[in-house]
Amino acid sequence: MKKEKNPSSRSSASLRGRQKISYEPEADVLRVEFNKKPIDYATEVENVVVHFSPENVPVYLEFLEASKFISDISDVIKSTRKFYQL
């Protein structure tokens, strides 16, 4: 991941060539981009927004309140590890 001089600026990383993850700290939004297709519409379920192409292919996900989402995921991982260590 490329570090920027301004720590509050948007950061991003590429995964497996075409996927890209970026974070916007000012809005606390984590974005996972799958492709560069044009956006036709979006659907929001709780704090996750899925953007679709005209062919109904997911283009990217946005996790609103990303800090809370990451914290919740971390808690799930920790509890799962404890369960399997029993």
Protein backbone atom coordinates (compact mmCIF):
# COMPACT_ATOMS: atom_id res chain seq x y z
CA MET A 1 0.00 0.00 0.00
CA LYS A 2 1.34 3.41 -0.90
CA LYS A 3 1.59 5.78 2.07
CA GLU A 4 0.58 9.36 1.57
CA LYS A 5 1.91 12.39 3.43
CA ASN A 6 -1.51 13.39 4.76
CA PRO A 7 -2.70 10.61 7.11
CA SER A 8 -6.33 11.69 6.76
CA SER A 9 -6.28 11.32 2.98
CA ARG A 10 -7.79 8.42 1.09
CA SER A 11 -5.68 5.25 0.93
CA SER A 12 -5.99 2.24 -1.33
CA ALA A 13 -4.48 -1.15 -2.18
CA SER A 14 -4.89 -3.55 -5.09
CA LEU A 15 -5.79 -7.20 -4.60
CA ARG A 16 -5.22 -9.95 -7.14
CA GLY A 17 -4.65 -7.55 -9.98
CA ARG A 18 -8.11 -6.10 -10.57
CA GLN A 19 -9.68 -5.72 -7.14
CA LYS A 20 -8.98 -2.55 -5.21
CA ILE A 21 -9.66 -1.57 -1.61
CA SER A 22 -9.76 2.06 -0.55
CA TYR A 23 -10.65 3.85 2.65
CA GLU A 24 -11.95 7.39 3.08
CA PRO A 25 -11.35 8.35 6.72
CA GLU A 26 -13.33 11.60 6.57
CA ALA A 27 -16.48 9.64 5.65
CA ASP A 28 -15.41 6.38 7.39
CA VAL A 29 -16.19 4.42 4.23
CA LEU A 30 -14.35 1.29 3.10
CA ARG A 31 -14.73 0.55 -0.62
CA VAL A 32 -13.95 -2.73 -2.39
CA GLU A 33 -13.91 -2.35 -6.17
CA PHE A 34 -14.22 -5.47 -8.32
CA ASN A 35 -14.15 -3.96 -11.80
CA LYS A 36 -14.44 -0.70 -13.74
CA LYS A 37 -17.86 -1.33 -15.30
CA PRO A 38 -20.27 1.62 -15.39
CA ILE A 39 -22.67 1.92 -12.45
CA ASP A 40 -26.38 1.57 -13.19
CA TYR A 41 -27.86 1.37 -9.70
CA ALA A 42 -27.03 0.66 -6.07
CA THR A 43 -28.73 -1.26 -3.28
CA GLU A 44 -28.19 -0.55 0.40
CA VAL A 45 -28.63 -3.20 3.07
CA GLU A 46 -27.97 -1.80 6.53
CA ASN A 47 -24.51 -0.20 6.25
CA VAL A 48 -23.40 -1.92 3.03
CA VAL A 49 -24.03 -0.43 -0.39
CA VAL A 50 -23.61 -2.66 -3.45
CA HIS A 51 -23.20 -0.87 -6.80
CA PHE A 52 -24.25 -2.81 -9.90
CA SER A 53 -23.57 -2.49 -13.62
CA PRO A 54 -26.40 -2.44 -16.19
CA GLU A 55 -25.81 -6.22 -16.53
CA ASN A 56 -26.50 -6.68 -12.77
CA VAL A 57 -22.85 -7.43 -12.04
CA PRO A 58 -21.52 -6.08 -8.72
CA VAL A 59 -18.98 -3.34 -9.43
CA TYR A 60 -18.07 -2.33 -5.90
CA LEU A 61 -19.11 -2.50 -2.26
CA GLU A 62 -19.11 0.37 0.20
CA PHE A 63 -19.03 -0.32 3.92
CA LEU A 64 -20.49 2.70 5.71
CA GLU A 65 -19.27 3.24 9.28
CA ALA A 66 -16.27 1.13 8.30
CA SER A 67 -14.55 1.45 11.69
CA LYS A 68 -17.50 -0.24 13.38
CA PHE A 69 -17.64 -2.92 10.66
CA ILE A 70 -13.94 -3.73 11.08
CA SER A 71 -14.33 -3.84 14.87
CA ASP A 72 -17.31 -6.19 14.58
CA ILE A 73 -15.44 -8.48 12.16
CA SER A 74 -12.45 -8.51 14.50
CA ASP A 75 -14.70 -9.57 17.39
CA VAL A 76 -16.16 -12.40 15.29
CA ILE A 77 -12.69 -13.63 14.35
CA LYS A 78 -11.54 -13.55 17.98
CA SER A 79 -14.60 -15.45 19.21
CA THR A 80 -14.22 -18.01 16.41
CA ARG A 81 -10.59 -18.60 17.37
CA LYS A 82 -11.58 -19.12 21.01
CA PHE A 83 -14.30 -21.60 19.96
CA TYR A 84 -11.84 -23.70 17.91
CA GLN A 85 -9.22 -23.66 20.69
CA LEU A 86 -11.61 -25.40 23.11
